[in-house]
Amino acid sequence: MDTAASSNPKDQSRPAAAKGRGQILDALLSGLSRLCALAVLFIIAAILISLFMGAWPAFKKFGPAFLVSAEWNPVTEEFGALVSIYGTLVTTLIAMITGVPVSFGIAIFITELCPLWLKRPVGTAIELLAAIPSIIYGMWGLFVFAPFFADHMEPWIADNLGRLPGMGFLFDGPPLGIGVLTAGIILGIMVIPFMAAVFRDLFEVVPPVLKESAYGIGATTWEVLKKIVLPYTKAGVVGGIMLGMGRALGETMAVTFVIGNADRLEFSLLMPGNTISSSLANQFTEAVGEMYTSSLIALGLILFVITFLVLSAAKFLLIRLTAMEGSRT
């Protein structure tokens, strides 16, 4: 009895000590996680402030006209961002038009139609495409895709699509190979692995019982995808598309190789152009003078804002979709 009584305090003290250590570890974990989150916000704020300070001389001199001016002349120190903004948005749009359907097709094939023995090789190939550096895409686009595109595809595009009423001007021009359309297609090829991997993972988390029930009542594969898979994963699908769009907006080297790097506003997609990233890559090392450097930094700030707006719109859309799904349930 005495031995049992003497051991009780020790037995009771051990859980208390363990509880105390657990509380200390919880406090440390909470503090470290909060510090990491604040560090991310601090870094973003520091980048934004430094970009704004560097771009201020250009904004002060040109004002809002900087955003709508197509002039870019380092000799006279007259700069405008319209050509780069236009090229960035158009190439990203082409990349999405090119990449999203192909990514959907790859993900659907892997999850719904692919034989078991072929799933792993195809999935591995997609992951290898995602691991290829962007400069390799650019070199391949310049030396392989651009000549093929100029010889076999651009003449047909100019002869047929160039005659369409109301939009023929978009496909009018000589078959140069390099240009806005080529850059957009290369970007589309680059974002396919990322979006396809996201879509594949999303489609695989759909409960099998839902798809099996649909097949059991006679639904076709298309009907299962339309009525079951896509409604169940639509919030994630939007996020995957926005992820690919963010990748396309900020891509530099691949675009620099194939877009032509011309500071002229051309509405034809076959003509050379420029993006914000390619302008920075080509000109920042040779920028001489405060105004030239400040204008390039202003382009970087504009790209930062565009990316932020795109991601914010994606987040807002995801919240809306989640709220709609919650209200239905």
C-alpha atoms as a PDB file:
ATOM      1  CA  MET A   1       0.000   0.000   0.000  1.00  0.00           C
ATOM      2  CA  ASP A   2       2.780   2.434   0.923  1.00  0.00           C
ATOM      3  CA  THR A   3       4.682   1.600  -2.272  1.00  0.00           C
ATOM      4  CA  ALA A   4       1.586   2.198  -4.366  1.00  0.00           C
ATOM      5  CA  ALA A   5       0.913   5.444  -2.598  1.00  0.00           C
ATOM      6  CA  SER A   6       4.467   6.667  -3.084  1.00  0.00           C
ATOM      7  CA  SER A   7       4.409   5.860  -6.777  1.00  0.00           C
ATOM      8  CA  ASN A   8       1.162   7.678  -7.454  1.00  0.00           C
ATOM      9  CA  PRO A   9       2.679  11.182  -7.362  1.00  0.00           C
ATOM     10  CA  LYS A  10       5.305  10.137  -9.912  1.00  0.00           C
ATOM     11  CA  ASP A  11       2.696   8.616 -12.148  1.00  0.00           C
ATOM     12  CA  GLN A  12       0.638  11.763 -11.866  1.00  0.00           C
ATOM     13  CA  SER A  13       3.616  14.054 -12.443  1.00  0.00           C
ATOM     14  CA  ARG A  14       4.600  12.392 -15.696  1.00  0.00           C
ATOM     15  CA  PRO A  15       1.398  13.308 -17.579  1.00  0.00           C
ATOM     16  CA  ALA A  16       1.656  16.832 -16.195  1.00  0.00           C
ATOM     17  CA  ALA A  17       5.246  17.159 -17.393  1.00  0.00           C
ATOM     18  CA  ALA A  18       4.341  15.719 -20.768  1.00  0.00           C
ATOM     19  CA  LYS A  19       1.433  18.124 -20.977  1.00  0.00           C
ATOM     20  CA  GLY A  20       3.718  21.016 -20.150  1.00  0.00           C
ATOM     21  CA  ARG A  21       6.207  20.010 -22.841  1.00  0.00           C
ATOM     22  CA  GLY A  22       3.345  19.628 -25.305  1.00  0.00           C
ATOM     23  CA  GLN A  23       2.115  23.135 -24.533  1.00  0.00           C
ATOM     24  CA  ILE A  24       5.608  24.530 -25.022  1.00  0.00           C
ATOM     25  CA  LEU A  25       5.989  22.713 -28.353  1.00  0.00           C
ATOM     26  CA  ASP A  26       2.553  23.913 -29.440  1.00  0.00           C
ATOM     27  CA  ALA A  27       3.514  27.490 -28.610  1.00  0.00           C
ATOM     28  CA  LEU A  28       6.777  27.129 -30.542  1.00  0.00           C
ATOM     29  CA  LEU A  29       5.000  25.612 -33.522  1.00  0.00           C
ATOM     30  CA  SER A  30       2.395  28.354 -33.493  1.00  0.00           C
ATOM     31  CA  GLY A  31       5.041  31.049 -33.279  1.00  0.00           C
ATOM     32  CA  LEU A  32       7.185  29.559 -36.055  1.00  0.00           C
ATOM     33  CA  SER A  33       4.231  29.061 -38.399  1.00  0.00           C
ATOM     34  CA  ARG A  34       3.072  32.618 -37.747  1.00  0.00           C
ATOM     35  CA  LEU A  35       6.598  33.865 -38.385  1.00  0.00           C
ATOM     36  CA  CYS A  36       6.765  31.993 -41.700  1.00  0.00           C
ATOM     37  CA  ALA A  37       3.427  33.423 -42.817  1.00  0.00           C
ATOM     38  CA  LEU A  38       4.477  36.941 -41.865  1.00  0.00           C
ATOM     39  CA  ALA A  39       7.802  36.438 -43.651  1.00  0.00           C
ATOM     40  CA  VAL A  40       5.967  35.660 -46.896  1.00  0.00           C
ATOM     41  CA  LEU A  41       3.862  38.801 -46.526  1.00  0.00           C
ATOM     42  CA  PHE A  42       6.966  40.824 -45.696  1.00  0.00           C
ATOM     43  CA  ILE A  43       8.818  39.551 -48.777  1.00  0.00           C
ATOM     44  CA  ILE A  44       5.865  40.352 -51.051  1.00  0.00           C
ATOM     45  CA  ALA A  45       5.544  43.832 -49.533  1.00  0.00           C
ATOM     46  CA  ALA A  46       9.298  44.423 -49.881  1.00  0.00           C
ATOM     47  CA  ILE A  47       9.253  43.381 -53.550  1.00  0.00           C
ATOM     48  CA  LEU A  48       6.261  45.585 -54.260  1.00  0.00           C
ATOM     49  CA  ILE A  49       7.793  48.598 -52.505  1.00  0.00           C
ATOM     50  CA  SER A  50      11.142  48.199 -54.256  1.00  0.00           C
ATOM     51  CA  LEU A  51       9.436  47.872 -57.639  1.00  0.00           C
ATOM     52  CA  PHE A  52       7.306  50.935 -56.994  1.00  0.00           C
ATOM     53  CA  MET A  53      10.303  53.004 -55.887  1.00  0.00           C
ATOM     54  CA  GLY A  54      12.280  51.953 -58.950  1.00  0.00           C
ATOM     55  CA  ALA A  55       9.360  52.620 -61.306  1.00  0.00           C
ATOM     56  CA  TRP A  56       8.400  55.969 -59.788  1.00  0.00           C
ATOM     57  CA  PRO A  57      10.592  58.145 -62.090  1.00  0.00           C
ATOM     58  CA  ALA A  58       8.917  56.619 -65.175  1.00  0.00           C
ATOM     59  CA  PHE A  59       5.414  56.963 -63.747  1.00  0.00           C
ATOM     60  CA  LYS A  60       6.202  60.522 -62.661  1.00  0.00           C
ATOM     61  CA  LYS A  61       7.375  61.530 -66.140  1.00  0.00           C
ATOM     62  CA  PHE A  62       4.869  59.670 -68.334  1.00  0.00           C
ATOM     63  CA  GLY A  63       1.898  59.311 -65.993  1.00  0.00           C
ATOM     64  CA  PRO A  64      -1.031  57.081 -67.041  1.00  0.00           C
ATOM     65  CA  ALA A  65       0.064  57.509 -70.666  1.00  0.00           C
ATOM     66  CA  PHE A  66       2.791  54.956 -69.948  1.00  0.00           C
ATOM     67  CA  LEU A  67       0.171  52.216 -69.965  1.00  0.00           C
ATOM     68  CA  VAL A  68      -1.370  53.161 -73.320  1.00  0.00           C
ATOM     69  CA  SER A  69       1.633  54.357 -75.289  1.00  0.00           C
ATOM     70  CA  ALA A  70       3.183  52.073 -77.915  1.00  0.00           C
ATOM     71  CA  GLU A  71       6.358  54.155 -78.117  1.00  0.00           C
ATOM     72  CA  TRP A  72       9.573  52.523 -76.899  1.00  0.00           C
ATOM     73  CA  ASN A  73      12.607  54.530 -77.940  1.00  0.00           C
ATOM     74  CA  PRO A  74      15.681  54.431 -75.686  1.00  0.00           C
ATOM     75  CA  VAL A  75      17.404  57.099 -77.801  1.00  0.00           C
ATOM     76  CA  THR A  76      14.773  59.764 -77.153  1.00  0.00           C
ATOM     77  CA  GLU A  77      13.851  58.263 -73.760  1.00  0.00           C
ATOM     78  CA  GLU A  78      10.212  57.887 -74.737  1.00  0.00           C
ATOM     79  CA  PHE A  79       8.739  54.739 -73.275  1.00  0.00           C
ATOM     80  CA  GLY A  80       5.355  53.065 -73.196  1.00  0.00           C
ATOM     81  CA  ALA A  81       4.169  49.674 -71.975  1.00  0.00           C
ATOM     82  CA  LEU A  82       1.324  49.001 -74.403  1.00  0.00           C
ATOM     83  CA  VAL A  83       3.269  46.710 -76.764  1.00  0.00           C
ATOM     84  CA  SER A  84       4.582  44.549 -73.917  1.00  0.00           C
ATOM     85  CA  ILE A  85       1.226  44.401 -72.123  1.00  0.00           C
ATOM     86  CA  TYR A  86      -0.552  43.464 -75.345  1.00  0.00           C
ATOM     87  CA  GLY A  87       2.006  40.766 -76.148  1.00  0.00           C
ATOM     88  CA  THR A  88       1.817  39.332 -72.626  1.00  0.00           C
ATOM     89  CA  LEU A  89      -1.967  39.083 -72.610  1.00  0.00           C
ATOM     90  CA  VAL A  90      -2.275  37.757 -76.169  1.00  0.00           C
ATOM     91  CA  THR A  91       0.393  35.067 -75.799  1.00  0.00           C
ATOM     92  CA  THR A  92      -1.170  33.963 -72.507  1.00  0.00           C
ATOM     93  CA  LEU A  93      -4.602  33.769 -74.141  1.00  0.00           C
ATOM     94  CA  ILE A  94      -3.208  31.692 -77.014  1.00  0.00           C
ATOM     95  CA  ALA A  95      -1.463  29.434 -74.512  1.00  0.00           C
ATOM     96  CA  MET A  96      -4.712  28.844 -72.639  1.00  0.00           C
ATOM     97  CA  ILE A  97      -6.647  28.160 -75.860  1.00  0.00           C
ATOM     98  CA  THR A  98      -3.938  25.701 -76.876  1.00  0.00           C
ATOM     99  CA  GLY A  99      -3.143  24.095 -73.551  1.00  0.00           C
ATOM    100  CA  VAL A 100      -6.434  23.720 -71.686  1.00  0.00           C
ATOM    101  CA  PRO A 101      -8.209  21.368 -74.162  1.00  0.00           C
ATOM    102  CA  VAL A 102      -5.099  19.218 -74.579  1.00  0.00           C
ATOM    103  CA  SER A 103      -4.603  19.040 -70.808  1.00  0.00           C
ATOM    104  CA  PHE A 104      -8.222  17.999 -70.370  1.00  0.00           C
ATOM    105  CA  GLY A 105      -7.822  15.330 -73.018  1.00  0.00           C
ATOM    106  CA  ILE A 106      -4.672  13.926 -71.407  1.00  0.00           C
ATOM    107  CA  ALA A 107      -6.238  13.845 -67.940  1.00  0.00           C
ATOM    108  CA  ILE A 108      -9.442  12.233 -69.211  1.00  0.00           C
ATOM    109  CA  PHE A 109      -7.514   9.604 -71.164  1.00  0.00           C
ATOM    110  CA  ILE A 110      -5.326   8.692 -68.170  1.00  0.00           C
ATOM    111  CA  THR A 111      -8.162   8.491 -65.644  1.00  0.00           C
ATOM    112  CA  GLU A 112     -11.022   7.117 -67.729  1.00  0.00           C
ATOM    113  CA  LEU A 113      -9.850   5.481 -70.945  1.00  0.00           C
ATOM    114  CA  CYS A 114      -6.212   4.466 -70.616  1.00  0.00           C
ATOM    115  CA  PRO A 115      -5.353   0.761 -70.173  1.00  0.00           C
ATOM    116  CA  LEU A 116      -3.696  -0.047 -66.877  1.00  0.00           C
ATOM    117  CA  TRP A 117      -0.382  -1.010 -68.513  1.00  0.00           C
ATOM    118  CA  LEU A 118      -0.170   2.401 -70.232  1.00  0.00           C
ATOM    119  CA  LYS A 119      -1.107   4.654 -67.307  1.00  0.00           C
ATOM    120  CA  ARG A 120       2.298   4.753 -65.680  1.00  0.00           C
ATOM    121  CA  PRO A 121       4.317   5.436 -68.897  1.00  0.00           C
ATOM    122  CA  VAL A 122       1.980   8.253 -69.943  1.00  0.00           C
ATOM    123  CA  GLY A 123       1.973   9.774 -66.452  1.00  0.00           C
ATOM    124  CA  THR A 124       5.763   9.588 -66.295  1.00  0.00           C
ATOM    125  CA  ALA A 125       6.053  11.248 -69.701  1.00  0.00           C
ATOM    126  CA  ILE A 126       3.876  14.135 -68.532  1.00  0.00           C
ATOM    127  CA  GLU A 127       6.039  14.576 -65.445  1.00  0.00           C
ATOM    128  CA  LEU A 128       9.190  14.568 -67.600  1.00  0.00           C
ATOM    129  CA  LEU A 129       7.729  17.294 -69.805  1.00  0.00           C
ATOM    130  CA  ALA A 130       7.140  19.403 -66.690  1.00  0.00           C
ATOM    131  CA  ALA A 131      10.800  18.944 -65.696  1.00  0.00           C
ATOM    132  CA  ILE A 132      12.234  20.258 -68.980  1.00  0.00           C
ATOM    133  CA  PRO A 133      13.803  23.732 -68.488  1.00  0.00           C
ATOM    134  CA  SER A 134      12.074  26.577 -70.267  1.00  0.00           C
ATOM    135  CA  ILE A 135      15.170  27.500 -72.232  1.00  0.00           C
ATOM    136  CA  ILE A 136      15.084  24.048 -73.860  1.00  0.00           C
ATOM    137  CA  TYR A 137      11.528  24.737 -75.008  1.00  0.00           C
ATOM    138  CA  GLY A 138      12.754  28.029 -76.422  1.00  0.00           C
ATOM    139  CA  MET A 139      15.637  26.458 -78.318  1.00  0.00           C
ATOM    140  CA  TRP A 140      13.386  23.729 -79.681  1.00  0.00           C
ATOM    141  CA  GLY A 141      10.826  26.351 -80.681  1.00  0.00           C
ATOM    142  CA  LEU A 142      13.430  28.474 -82.474  1.00  0.00           C
ATOM    143  CA  PHE A 143      15.338  25.757 -84.329  1.00  0.00           C
ATOM    144  CA  VAL A 144      12.641  23.134 -84.927  1.00  0.00           C
ATOM    145  CA  PHE A 145       9.102  24.405 -84.468  1.00  0.00           C
ATOM    146  CA  ALA A 146       9.469  27.906 -85.967  1.00  0.00           C
ATOM    147  CA  PRO A 147      10.902  26.720 -89.341  1.00  0.00           C
ATOM    148  CA  PHE A 148       8.261  23.987 -89.582  1.00  0.00           C
ATOM    149  CA  PHE A 149       5.543  26.467 -88.658  1.00  0.00           C
ATOM    150  CA  ALA A 150       6.763  28.971 -91.263  1.00  0.00           C
ATOM    151  CA  ASP A 151       6.995  26.432 -94.076  1.00  0.00           C
ATOM    152  CA  HIS A 152       3.873  24.328 -93.534  1.00  0.00           C
ATOM    153  CA  MET A 153       1.348  26.116 -91.338  1.00  0.00           C
ATOM    154  CA  GLU A 154       1.625  29.904 -91.605  1.00  0.00           C
ATOM    155  CA  PRO A 155       1.024  29.980 -95.399  1.00  0.00           C
ATOM    156  CA  TRP A 156      -2.195  28.000 -94.902  1.00  0.00           C
ATOM    157  CA  ILE A 157      -3.225  30.242 -91.990  1.00  0.00           C
ATOM    158  CA  ALA A 158      -2.620  33.399 -94.026  1.00  0.00           C
ATOM    159  CA  ASP A 159      -4.421  32.050 -97.108  1.00  0.00           C
ATOM    160  CA  ASN A 160      -7.486  30.755 -95.271  1.00  0.00           C
ATOM    161  CA  LEU A 161      -7.928  32.456 -91.920  1.00  0.00           C
ATOM    162  CA  GLY A 162      -6.527  35.706 -93.267  1.00  0.00           C
ATOM    163  CA  ARG A 163      -9.592  36.034 -95.506  1.00  0.00           C
ATOM    164  CA  LEU A 164     -12.165  35.741 -92.729  1.00  0.00           C
ATOM    165  CA  PRO A 165     -14.284  38.893 -92.474  1.00  0.00           C
ATOM    166  CA  GLY A 166     -13.751  40.899 -89.325  1.00  0.00           C
ATOM    167  CA  MET A 167     -10.793  38.912 -88.033  1.00  0.00           C
ATOM    168  CA  GLY A 168      -8.589  38.337 -91.055  1.00  0.00           C
ATOM    169  CA  PHE A 169      -6.184  41.041 -89.860  1.00  0.00           C
ATOM    170  CA  LEU A 170      -5.184  38.727 -87.005  1.00  0.00           C
ATOM    171  CA  PHE A 171      -3.692  36.209 -89.450  1.00  0.00           C
ATOM    172  CA  ASP A 172      -2.265  38.503 -92.097  1.00  0.00           C
ATOM    173  CA  GLY A 173       1.452  38.661 -92.648  1.00  0.00           C
ATOM    174  CA  PRO A 174       4.512  36.936 -94.103  1.00  0.00           C
ATOM    175  CA  PRO A 175       5.451  33.435 -92.913  1.00  0.00           C
ATOM    176  CA  LEU A 176       8.321  34.396 -90.616  1.00  0.00           C
ATOM    177  CA  GLY A 177       7.985  31.482 -88.216  1.00  0.00           C
ATOM    178  CA  ILE A 178       8.717  33.621 -85.179  1.00  0.00           C
ATOM    179  CA  GLY A 179       5.955  35.820 -83.810  1.00  0.00           C
ATOM    180  CA  VAL A 180       3.205  36.162 -81.247  1.00  0.00           C
ATOM    181  CA  LEU A 181       1.311  33.063 -82.408  1.00  0.00           C
ATOM    182  CA  THR A 182       4.433  30.899 -82.250  1.00  0.00           C
ATOM    183  CA  ALA A 183       5.235  32.169 -78.765  1.00  0.00           C
ATOM    184  CA  GLY A 184       1.682  31.460 -77.607  1.00  0.00           C
ATOM    185  CA  ILE A 185       1.792  27.896 -78.940  1.00  0.00           C
ATOM    186  CA  ILE A 186       5.146  27.231 -77.249  1.00  0.00           C
ATOM    187  CA  LEU A 187       3.708  28.595 -73.995  1.00  0.00           C
ATOM    188  CA  GLY A 188       0.693  26.331 -74.421  1.00  0.00           C
ATOM    189  CA  ILE A 189       2.982  23.313 -74.812  1.00  0.00           C
ATOM    190  CA  MET A 190       4.873  24.363 -71.691  1.00  0.00           C
ATOM    191  CA  VAL A 191       1.806  24.675 -69.446  1.00  0.00           C
ATOM    192  CA  ILE A 192       0.216  21.408 -70.626  1.00  0.00           C
ATOM    193  CA  PRO A 193       2.200  19.190 -68.197  1.00  0.00           C
ATOM    194  CA  PHE A 194       1.285  21.322 -65.178  1.00  0.00           C
ATOM    195  CA  MET A 195      -2.421  21.537 -65.939  1.00  0.00           C
ATOM    196  CA  ALA A 196      -2.644  17.903 -67.070  1.00  0.00           C
ATOM    197  CA  ALA A 197      -1.069  16.724 -63.802  1.00  0.00           C
ATOM    198  CA  VAL A 198      -3.490  18.850 -61.756  1.00  0.00           C
ATOM    199  CA  PHE A 199      -6.521  17.676 -63.749  1.00  0.00           C
ATOM    200  CA  ARG A 200      -5.421  14.042 -63.490  1.00  0.00           C
ATOM    201  CA  ASP A 201      -5.091  14.228 -59.705  1.00  0.00           C
ATOM    202  CA  LEU A 202      -8.466  15.953 -59.458  1.00  0.00           C
ATOM    203  CA  PHE A 203     -10.266  13.391 -61.603  1.00  0.00           C
ATOM    204  CA  GLU A 204      -8.731  10.529 -59.636  1.00  0.00           C
ATOM    205  CA  VAL A 205     -10.186  11.755 -56.323  1.00  0.00           C
ATOM    206  CA  VAL A 206     -13.754  11.504 -57.594  1.00  0.00           C
ATOM    207  CA  PRO A 207     -15.378   8.708 -55.540  1.00  0.00           C
ATOM    208  CA  PRO A 208     -15.505   5.567 -57.706  1.00  0.00           C
ATOM    209  CA  VAL A 209     -18.985   4.784 -56.414  1.00  0.00           C
ATOM    210  CA  LEU A 210     -20.350   7.867 -58.161  1.00  0.00           C
ATOM    211  CA  LYS A 211     -18.901   6.923 -61.534  1.00  0.00           C
ATOM    212  CA  GLU A 212     -19.806   3.262 -61.153  1.00  0.00           C
ATOM    213  CA  SER A 213     -23.384   4.191 -60.301  1.00  0.00           C
ATOM    214  CA  ALA A 214     -23.598   6.355 -63.417  1.00  0.00           C
ATOM    215  CA  TYR A 215     -22.165   3.608 -65.609  1.00  0.00           C
ATOM    216  CA  GLY A 216     -24.552   1.164 -63.946  1.00  0.00           C
ATOM    217  CA  ILE A 217     -27.617   3.086 -65.100  1.00  0.00           C
ATOM    218  CA  GLY A 218     -26.318   3.209 -68.676  1.00  0.00           C
ATOM    219  CA  ALA A 219     -24.429   6.511 -68.801  1.00  0.00           C
ATOM    220  CA  THR A 220     -21.704   6.908 -71.413  1.00  0.00           C
ATOM    221  CA  THR A 221     -18.173   8.052 -70.660  1.00  0.00           C
ATOM    222  CA  TRP A 222     -19.009  11.546 -71.912  1.00  0.00           C
ATOM    223  CA  GLU A 223     -22.077  11.726 -69.695  1.00  0.00           C
ATOM    224  CA  VAL A 224     -20.077  10.571 -66.663  1.00  0.00           C
ATOM    225  CA  LEU A 225     -17.487  13.265 -67.323  1.00  0.00           C
ATOM    226  CA  LYS A 226     -20.107  15.954 -67.885  1.00  0.00           C
ATOM    227  CA  LYS A 227     -22.515  15.070 -65.068  1.00  0.00           C
ATOM    228  CA  ILE A 228     -20.225  13.538 -62.426  1.00  0.00           C
ATOM    229  CA  VAL A 229     -16.512  14.265 -62.816  1.00  0.00           C
ATOM    230  CA  LEU A 230     -16.511  17.919 -63.877  1.00  0.00           C
ATOM    231  CA  PRO A 231     -19.190  19.115 -61.404  1.00  0.00           C
ATOM    232  CA  TYR A 232     -17.366  17.339 -58.585  1.00  0.00           C
ATOM    233  CA  THR A 233     -13.966  18.876 -59.448  1.00  0.00           C
ATOM    234  CA  LYS A 234     -14.872  22.220 -61.019  1.00  0.00           C
ATOM    235  CA  ALA A 235     -13.355  24.313 -58.231  1.00  0.00           C
ATOM    236  CA  GLY A 236     -10.029  22.515 -58.569  1.00  0.00           C
ATOM    237  CA  VAL A 237     -10.201  22.685 -62.357  1.00  0.00           C
ATOM    238  CA  VAL A 238     -10.481  26.467 -62.209  1.00  0.00           C
ATOM    239  CA  GLY A 239      -7.507  26.550 -59.872  1.00  0.00           C
ATOM    240  CA  GLY A 240      -5.474  24.387 -62.250  1.00  0.00           C
ATOM    241  CA  ILE A 241      -6.284  26.646 -65.184  1.00  0.00           C
ATOM    242  CA  MET A 242      -5.270  29.713 -63.213  1.00  0.00           C
ATOM    243  CA  LEU A 243      -2.039  27.967 -62.204  1.00  0.00           C
ATOM    244  CA  GLY A 244      -1.226  27.401 -65.844  1.00  0.00           C
ATOM    245  CA  MET A 245      -2.147  30.984 -66.665  1.00  0.00           C
ATOM    246  CA  GLY A 246       0.182  32.280 -63.971  1.00  0.00           C
ATOM    247  CA  ARG A 247       2.951  30.135 -65.417  1.00  0.00           C
ATOM    248  CA  ALA A 248       2.306  31.520 -68.908  1.00  0.00           C
ATOM    249  CA  LEU A 249       2.175  35.146 -67.759  1.00  0.00           C
ATOM    250  CA  GLY A 250       5.624  35.074 -66.217  1.00  0.00           C
ATOM    251  CA  GLU A 251       7.490  32.850 -68.675  1.00  0.00           C
ATOM    252  CA  THR A 252      10.642  34.506 -69.997  1.00  0.00           C
ATOM    253  CA  MET A 253      13.255  32.526 -71.890  1.00  0.00           C
ATOM    254  CA  ALA A 254      11.047  30.376 -74.104  1.00  0.00           C
ATOM    255  CA  VAL A 255       9.097  33.440 -75.238  1.00  0.00           C
ATOM    256  CA  THR A 256      12.269  35.475 -75.777  1.00  0.00           C
ATOM    257  CA  PHE A 257      13.546  32.896 -78.256  1.00  0.00           C
ATOM    258  CA  VAL A 258      10.497  32.784 -80.526  1.00  0.00           C
ATOM    259  CA  ILE A 259       8.450  35.992 -80.229  1.00  0.00           C
ATOM    260  CA  GLY A 260      10.756  38.154 -82.345  1.00  0.00           C
ATOM    261  CA  ASN A 261      11.374  40.866 -79.712  1.00  0.00           C
ATOM    262  CA  ALA A 262      10.028  43.753 -81.787  1.00  0.00           C
ATOM    263  CA  ASP A 263       8.804  46.880 -80.003  1.00  0.00           C
ATOM    264  CA  ARG A 264       6.037  47.492 -82.529  1.00  0.00           C
ATOM    265  CA  LEU A 265       2.317  47.170 -81.999  1.00  0.00           C
ATOM    266  CA  GLU A 266       1.180  44.618 -84.568  1.00  0.00           C
ATOM    267  CA  PHE A 267      -2.308  43.166 -84.408  1.00  0.00           C
ATOM    268  CA  SER A 268      -1.397  40.270 -86.685  1.00  0.00           C
ATOM    269  CA  LEU A 269      -0.514  37.200 -84.653  1.00  0.00           C
ATOM    270  CA  LEU A 270       2.018  36.154 -87.285  1.00  0.00           C
ATOM    271  CA  MET A 271       4.169  39.256 -86.761  1.00  0.00           C
ATOM    272  CA  PRO A 272       6.941  39.634 -84.178  1.00  0.00           C
ATOM    273  CA  GLY A 273       6.079  41.257 -80.877  1.00  0.00           C
ATOM    274  CA  ASN A 274       7.187  41.486 -77.284  1.00  0.00           C
ATOM    275  CA  THR A 275       6.081  40.582 -73.789  1.00  0.00           C
ATOM    276  CA  ILE A 276       6.958  42.141 -70.475  1.00  0.00           C
ATOM    277  CA  SER A 277       9.217  39.228 -69.552  1.00  0.00           C
ATOM    278  CA  SER A 278      11.034  39.173 -72.880  1.00  0.00           C
ATOM    279  CA  SER A 279      11.542  42.949 -72.771  1.00  0.00           C
ATOM    280  CA  LEU A 280      13.139  42.672 -69.341  1.00  0.00           C
ATOM    281  CA  ALA A 281      15.329  39.749 -70.396  1.00  0.00           C
ATOM    282  CA  ASN A 282      16.570  41.485 -73.547  1.00  0.00           C
ATOM    283  CA  GLN A 283      17.047  45.035 -72.358  1.00  0.00           C
ATOM    284  CA  PHE A 284      17.733  45.180 -68.640  1.00  0.00           C
ATOM    285  CA  THR A 285      21.459  44.438 -68.902  1.00  0.00           C
ATOM    286  CA  GLU A 286      21.945  47.157 -71.518  1.00  0.00           C
ATOM    287  CA  ALA A 287      19.698  49.796 -69.951  1.00  0.00           C
ATOM    288  CA  VAL A 288      21.591  53.080 -69.657  1.00  0.00           C
ATOM    289  CA  GLY A 289      20.215  56.007 -67.720  1.00  0.00           C
ATOM    290  CA  GLU A 290      17.684  56.375 -64.951  1.00  0.00           C
ATOM    291  CA  MET A 291      14.625  56.681 -67.185  1.00  0.00           C
ATOM    292  CA  TYR A 292      15.416  53.587 -69.241  1.00  0.00           C
ATOM    293  CA  THR A 293      15.992  51.480 -66.122  1.00  0.00           C
ATOM    294  CA  SER A 294      12.940  52.936 -64.389  1.00  0.00           C
ATOM    295  CA  SER A 295      10.728  52.130 -67.375  1.00  0.00           C
ATOM    296  CA  LEU A 296      11.863  48.511 -67.349  1.00  0.00           C
ATOM    297  CA  ILE A 297      11.209  48.275 -63.607  1.00  0.00           C
ATOM    298  CA  ALA A 298       7.771  49.767 -64.275  1.00  0.00           C
ATOM    299  CA  LEU A 299       7.134  46.906 -66.706  1.00  0.00           C
ATOM    300  CA  GLY A 300       8.050  44.475 -63.945  1.00  0.00           C
ATOM    301  CA  LEU A 301       5.619  46.189 -61.582  1.00  0.00           C
ATOM    302  CA  ILE A 302       2.863  45.971 -64.189  1.00  0.00           C
ATOM    303  CA  LEU A 303       3.515  42.239 -64.617  1.00  0.00           C
ATOM    304  CA  PHE A 304       3.366  41.845 -60.832  1.00  0.00           C
ATOM    305  CA  VAL A 305       0.003  43.610 -60.726  1.00  0.00           C
ATOM    306  CA  ILE A 306      -1.392  41.606 -63.664  1.00  0.00           C
ATOM    307  CA  THR A 307      -0.387  38.322 -62.028  1.00  0.00           C
ATOM    308  CA  PHE A 308      -1.844  39.448 -58.710  1.00  0.00           C
ATOM    309  CA  LEU A 309      -5.142  40.369 -60.352  1.00  0.00           C
ATOM    310  CA  VAL A 310      -5.329  37.033 -62.169  1.00  0.00           C
ATOM    311  CA  LEU A 311      -4.667  35.033 -59.007  1.00  0.00           C
ATOM    312  CA  SER A 312      -7.090  37.190 -57.022  1.00  0.00           C
ATOM    313  CA  ALA A 313      -9.792  36.614 -59.618  1.00  0.00           C
ATOM    314  CA  ALA A 314      -9.103  32.877 -59.451  1.00  0.00           C
ATOM    315  CA  LYS A 315      -9.361  32.904 -55.663  1.00  0.00           C
ATOM    316  CA  PHE A 316     -12.615  34.873 -55.798  1.00  0.00           C
ATOM    317  CA  LEU A 317     -14.039  32.457 -58.356  1.00  0.00           C
ATOM    318  CA  LEU A 318     -13.040  29.473 -56.222  1.00  0.00           C
ATOM    319  CA  ILE A 319     -14.752  31.026 -53.193  1.00  0.00           C
ATOM    320  CA  ARG A 320     -17.899  31.634 -55.233  1.00  0.00           C
ATOM    321  CA  LEU A 321     -17.911  28.074 -56.542  1.00  0.00           C
ATOM    322  CA  THR A 322     -17.364  26.657 -53.059  1.00  0.00           C
ATOM    323  CA  ALA A 323     -20.165  28.811 -51.674  1.00  0.00           C
ATOM    324  CA  MET A 324     -22.518  27.712 -54.452  1.00  0.00           C
ATOM    325  CA  GLU A 325     -21.730  24.048 -53.822  1.00  0.00           C
ATOM    326  CA  GLY A 326     -22.284  24.552 -50.083  1.00  0.00           C
ATOM    327  CA  SER A 327     -25.656  26.204 -50.635  1.00  0.00           C
ATOM    328  CA  ARG A 328     -26.783  23.330 -52.879  1.00  0.00           C
ATOM    329  CA  THR A 329     -25.898  20.734 -50.285  1.00  0.00           C
END
